[in-house]
Structure formats: structure tokens, C-alpha cells
C-alpha atoms as a PDB file:
ATOM      1  CA  MET A   1       4.588 -12.678  -8.750  1.00  0.00           C
ATOM      2  CA  GLU A   2       1.330 -10.921  -9.202  1.00  0.00           C
ATOM      3  CA  ALA A   3       3.203  -8.047 -11.475  1.00  0.00           C
ATOM      4  CA  GLU A   4       3.898 -11.364 -14.156  1.00  0.00           C
ATOM      5  CA  GLN A   5       0.532 -12.364 -13.899  1.00  0.00           C
ATOM      6  CA  LEU A   6      -0.734  -8.915 -14.868  1.00  0.00           C
ATOM      7  CA  GLY A   7       2.162  -8.604 -17.343  1.00  0.00           C
ATOM      8  CA  VAL A   8       3.430  -5.967 -15.542  1.00  0.00           C
ATOM      9  CA  GLY A   9       7.089  -4.754 -15.867  1.00  0.00           C
ATOM     10  CA  VAL A  10       8.494  -3.326 -12.248  1.00  0.00           C
ATOM     11  CA  LYS A  11      11.722  -0.851 -12.369  1.00  0.00           C
ATOM     12  CA  GLU A  12      13.378   1.261 -10.091  1.00  0.00           C
ATOM     13  CA  ARG A  13      14.429   4.573 -10.416  1.00  0.00           C
ATOM     14  CA  ASN A  14      15.363   7.555  -8.375  1.00  0.00           C
ATOM     15  CA  LEU A  15      12.403   9.799  -8.532  1.00  0.00           C
ATOM     16  CA  GLY A  16      12.958  12.364  -6.178  1.00  0.00           C
ATOM     17  CA  SER A  17      10.437  15.041  -5.344  1.00  0.00           C
ATOM     18  CA  GLY A  18       8.760  13.206  -2.413  1.00  0.00           C
ATOM     19  CA  LEU A  19       7.040  10.690  -5.262  1.00  0.00           C
ATOM     20  CA  CYS A  20       7.717   6.948  -3.918  1.00  0.00           C
ATOM     21  CA  GLY A  21       5.909   5.378  -7.475  1.00  0.00           C
ATOM     22  CA  PHE A  22       3.774   4.859 -10.054  1.00  0.00           C
ATOM     23  CA  TYR A  23       1.849   3.034 -12.473  1.00  0.00           C
ATOM     24  CA  LEU A  24       1.320   3.782 -16.177  1.00  0.00           C
ATOM     25  CA  ASP A  25      -0.856   1.914 -17.755  1.00  0.00           C
ATOM     26  CA  GLN A  26       0.011   2.832 -21.202  1.00  0.00           C
ATOM     27  CA  VAL A  27       3.560   0.526 -21.180  1.00  0.00           C
ATOM     28  CA  LYS A  28       2.158  -1.429 -18.575  1.00  0.00           C
ATOM     29  CA  THR A  29       5.086  -0.792 -15.761  1.00  0.00           C
ATOM     30  CA  ILE A  30       5.157   0.557 -12.066  1.00  0.00           C
ATOM     31  CA  VAL A  31       8.086   2.480 -11.192  1.00  0.00           C
ATOM     32  CA  ILE A  32       9.282   2.520  -7.760  1.00  0.00           C
ATOM     33  CA  ASP A  33      12.008   5.319  -6.152  1.00  0.00           C
ATOM     34  CA  GLY A  34      14.832   3.010  -5.536  1.00  0.00           C
ATOM     35  CA  ASN A  35      16.138   4.986  -2.580  1.00  0.00           C
ATOM     36  CA  LEU A  36      13.061   3.961  -0.565  1.00  0.00           C
ATOM     37  CA  PHE A  37      13.916   1.074   2.077  1.00  0.00           C
ATOM     38  CA  ASP A  38      12.579  -2.832   1.314  1.00  0.00           C
ATOM     39  CA  PHE A  39       9.389  -2.181   3.542  1.00  0.00           C
ATOM     40  CA  GLN A  40       8.866   0.852   1.975  1.00  0.00           C
ATOM     41  CA  LYS A  41       9.053  -0.458  -1.758  1.00  0.00           C
ATOM     42  CA  ARG A  42       6.739  -3.331  -0.722  1.00  0.00           C
ATOM     43  CA  CYS A  43       4.147  -1.124   0.277  1.00  0.00           C
ATOM     44  CA  VAL A  44       4.711   0.935  -3.039  1.00  0.00           C
ATOM     45  CA  LEU A  45       4.754  -2.163  -4.743  1.00  0.00           C
ATOM     46  CA  CYS A  46       1.563  -3.352  -3.337  1.00  0.00           C
ATOM     47  CA  HIS A  47      -0.441   0.306  -3.824  1.00  0.00           C
ATOM     48  CA  GLU A  48       0.833   0.337  -7.322  1.00  0.00           C
ATOM     49  CA  LEU A  49      -0.317  -3.182  -8.273  1.00  0.00           C
ATOM     50  CA  CYS A  50      -3.937  -1.993  -7.400  1.00  0.00           C
ATOM     51  CA  HIS A  51      -3.683   0.559  -9.832  1.00  0.00           C
ATOM     52  CA  ALA A  52      -2.754  -1.922 -12.362  1.00  0.00           C
ATOM     53  CA  ARG A  53      -5.120  -4.706 -11.632  1.00  0.00           C
ATOM     54  CA  TYR A  54      -7.542  -2.140 -12.279  1.00  0.00           C
ATOM     55  CA  ARG A  55      -5.635  -0.385 -15.281  1.00  0.00           C
ATOM     56  CA  ASP A  56      -5.759   3.242 -13.459  1.00  0.00           C
ATOM     57  CA  THR A  57      -4.707   5.527 -16.301  1.00  0.00           C
ATOM     58  CA  GLY A  58      -4.109   8.839 -14.227  1.00  0.00           C
ATOM     59  CA  ILE A  59      -1.456   9.903 -11.973  1.00  0.00           C
ATOM     60  CA  SER A  60      -3.046  12.175  -9.529  1.00  0.00           C
ATOM     61  CA  LEU A  61      -1.850  13.503  -5.849  1.00  0.00           C
ATOM     62  CA  MET A  62      -5.241  14.557  -5.304  1.00  0.00           C
ATOM     63  CA  VAL A  63      -7.568  12.104  -3.657  1.00  0.00           C
ATOM     64  CA  SER A  64      -9.453  10.172  -6.114  1.00  0.00           C
ATOM     65  CA  LYS A  65     -11.703   7.154  -5.785  1.00  0.00           C
ATOM     66  CA  GLU A  66      -8.604   5.063  -7.599  1.00  0.00           C
ATOM     67  CA  GLU A  67      -6.374   6.417  -4.844  1.00  0.00           C
ATOM     68  CA  THR A  68      -8.642   5.529  -2.249  1.00  0.00           C
ATOM     69  CA  ARG A  69      -9.301   2.249  -3.439  1.00  0.00           C
ATOM     70  CA  ALA A  70      -5.272   1.718  -4.146  1.00  0.00           C
ATOM     71  CA  ARG A  71      -4.831   2.503  -0.233  1.00  0.00           C
ATOM     72  CA  ARG A  72      -7.815   0.906   1.137  1.00  0.00           C
ATOM     73  CA  GLU A  73      -6.603  -2.221  -0.592  1.00  0.00           C
ATOM     74  CA  THR A  74      -3.249  -1.734   0.278  1.00  0.00           C
ATOM     75  CA  ALA A  75      -3.755  -1.838   3.915  1.00  0.00           C
ATOM     76  CA  LEU A  76      -5.777  -4.588   3.679  1.00  0.00           C
ATOM     77  CA  ARG A  77      -3.440  -6.821   1.865  1.00  0.00           C
ATOM     78  CA  LEU A  78      -0.435  -6.066   4.084  1.00  0.00           C
ATOM     79  CA  ILE A  79      -1.890  -5.793   7.387  1.00  0.00           C
ATOM     80  CA  ASP A  80      -3.606  -9.082   8.943  1.00  0.00           C
ATOM     81  CA  PRO A  81      -6.438  -7.961  11.358  1.00  0.00           C
ATOM     82  CA  GLU A  82      -4.862 -10.125  14.314  1.00  0.00           C
ATOM     83  CA  SER A  83      -1.612  -9.295  13.711  1.00  0.00           C
ATOM     84  CA  TYR A  84      -2.671  -5.576  14.022  1.00  0.00           C
ATOM     85  CA  LYS A  85      -4.283  -6.477  17.533  1.00  0.00           C
ATOM     86  CA  THR A  86      -1.426  -8.308  18.398  1.00  0.00           C
ATOM     87  CA  ALA A  87       0.799  -5.327  17.685  1.00  0.00           C
ATOM     88  CA  GLU A  88      -1.196  -2.642  18.880  1.00  0.00           C
ATOM     89  CA  LEU A  89      -1.508  -4.581  22.791  1.00  0.00           C
ATOM     90  CA  ALA A  90       2.052  -5.190  22.495  1.00  0.00           C
ATOM     91  CA  TYR A  91       3.284  -1.556  21.717  1.00  0.00           C
ATOM     92  CA  ASP A  92       0.325   0.294  23.829  1.00  0.00           C
ATOM     93  CA  GLY A  93      -0.711   1.946  20.053  1.00  0.00           C
ATOM     94  CA  ASP A  94       2.874   3.378  19.409  1.00  0.00           C
ATOM     95  CA  LEU A  95       2.653   3.991  15.624  1.00  0.00           C
ATOM     96  CA  PHE A  96       6.553   3.705  15.224  1.00  0.00           C
ATOM     97  CA  GLN A  97       6.749   0.427  17.046  1.00  0.00           C
ATOM     98  CA  MET A  98       3.798  -0.708  15.327  1.00  0.00           C
ATOM     99  CA  ALA A  99       4.558  -0.057  11.580  1.00  0.00           C
ATOM    100  CA  SER A 100       7.836  -1.739  12.396  1.00  0.00           C
ATOM    101  CA  GLU A 101       6.262  -5.048  13.729  1.00  0.00           C
ATOM    102  CA  LEU A 102       3.854  -4.701  10.833  1.00  0.00           C
ATOM    103  CA  ASN A 103       6.700  -4.248   8.236  1.00  0.00           C
ATOM    104  CA  VAL A 104       4.328  -1.185   6.587  1.00  0.00           C
ATOM    105  CA  THR A 105       4.668   2.568   6.173  1.00  0.00           C
ATOM    106  CA  PHE A 106       2.933   4.978   8.605  1.00  0.00           C
ATOM    107  CA  GLN A 107       0.791   5.619   5.829  1.00  0.00           C
ATOM    108  CA  VAL A 108      -0.431   2.244   5.193  1.00  0.00           C
ATOM    109  CA  LEU A 109      -1.121   1.817   9.138  1.00  0.00           C
ATOM    110  CA  LYS A 110      -2.741   4.776   9.325  1.00  0.00           C
ATOM    111  CA  ASP A 111      -4.868   3.764   6.270  1.00  0.00           C
ATOM    112  CA  PHE A 112      -5.632   0.687   8.185  1.00  0.00           C
ATOM    113  CA  GLN A 113      -6.741   2.181  11.372  1.00  0.00           C
ATOM    114  CA  LYS A 114      -8.972   4.550   9.364  1.00  0.00           C
ATOM    115  CA  LEU A 115     -10.660   1.462   7.897  1.00  0.00           C
ATOM    116  CA  LEU A 116     -11.193   0.130  11.622  1.00  0.00           C
ATOM    117  CA  VAL A 117     -13.038   3.052  12.599  1.00  0.00           C
ATOM    118  CA  MET A 118     -15.545   2.708   9.498  1.00  0.00           C
ATOM    119  CA  ASP A 119     -16.066  -0.613   9.648  1.00  0.00           C
ATOM    120  CA  LYS A 120     -16.441  -0.188  13.591  1.00  0.00           C
ATOM    121  CA  GLY A 121     -13.471  -2.670  14.309  1.00  0.00           C
ATOM    122  CA  ILE A 122     -14.698  -5.412  11.813  1.00  0.00           C
ATOM    123  CA  ILE A 123     -12.648  -5.704   8.584  1.00  0.00           C
ATOM    124  CA  TYR A 124     -13.641  -7.716   5.883  1.00  0.00           C
ATOM    125  CA  ARG A 125     -11.055  -9.875   3.819  1.00  0.00           C
ATOM    126  CA  THR A 126     -12.474  -9.554   0.328  1.00  0.00           C
ATOM    127  CA  LEU A 127      -9.193  -9.295  -1.464  1.00  0.00           C
ATOM    128  CA  ARG A 128      -7.885 -12.826  -0.971  1.00  0.00           C
END
């Protein structure tokens, strides 16, 4: 597991207040809201692991370079371009059905779609 390789602990807590998870670099720990569905936890874990890889130190709800990078990398890691294409065709672009098929949150799906527009439909797989 990537968290073990990074020496990062993962804990679940009831976070409330709309916060899904966060990474604390000082104690190398990711905290995920235990009330989330499994597919949501998967997306949050991937996102927070990105923060851990880069040793991001701030918790910010505002858009920052670190947050933008984490969202981009999460979308690229969790959505395979061919699977996206298949889901988009199968569900005629219906976001709910596509997200369900791809096992991701709406946010991750929207971030991936934003990358498609920015990259003019070409996703460069640089994260493997």
C-alpha cells in the first residue's frame, strides 16, 4: 500500500463540517471521514496521498497550487481514459451514471473532464 511506503498512517474519524479528509505532515497521518461511502473514501485517500507524497503542510479550503495538483493527480490516477470514454458513450454523458460506473465522486469526474478540455482530449499518463 502506498501509505505504508510513504510511512503515512491512515485513520478514520467523524469529521463533520463538510470536511472529507486531510493530511497532517507533522505526524505523517491522513484522516478520512469515517461516514463516507467506500468509493468516496477511495477518492479522498488518493487525494490525500498526493499531499503526503509532496509533503504538503497546509490545510486550505482555498484553491492553491498544492490542491490543484492533488485534484489533477487524483483524477488521472483514478480514471483511465479508455474507461472514461466507454462510460461517456454508454451513459450519454450522464454524470451520475458515469461516476458510478467509474467508482469515483462527481468532483473527481469533473476534474478529469476539465483535464480533457485543457489537454484537448489527450491525457498524458505521467503518474504511473
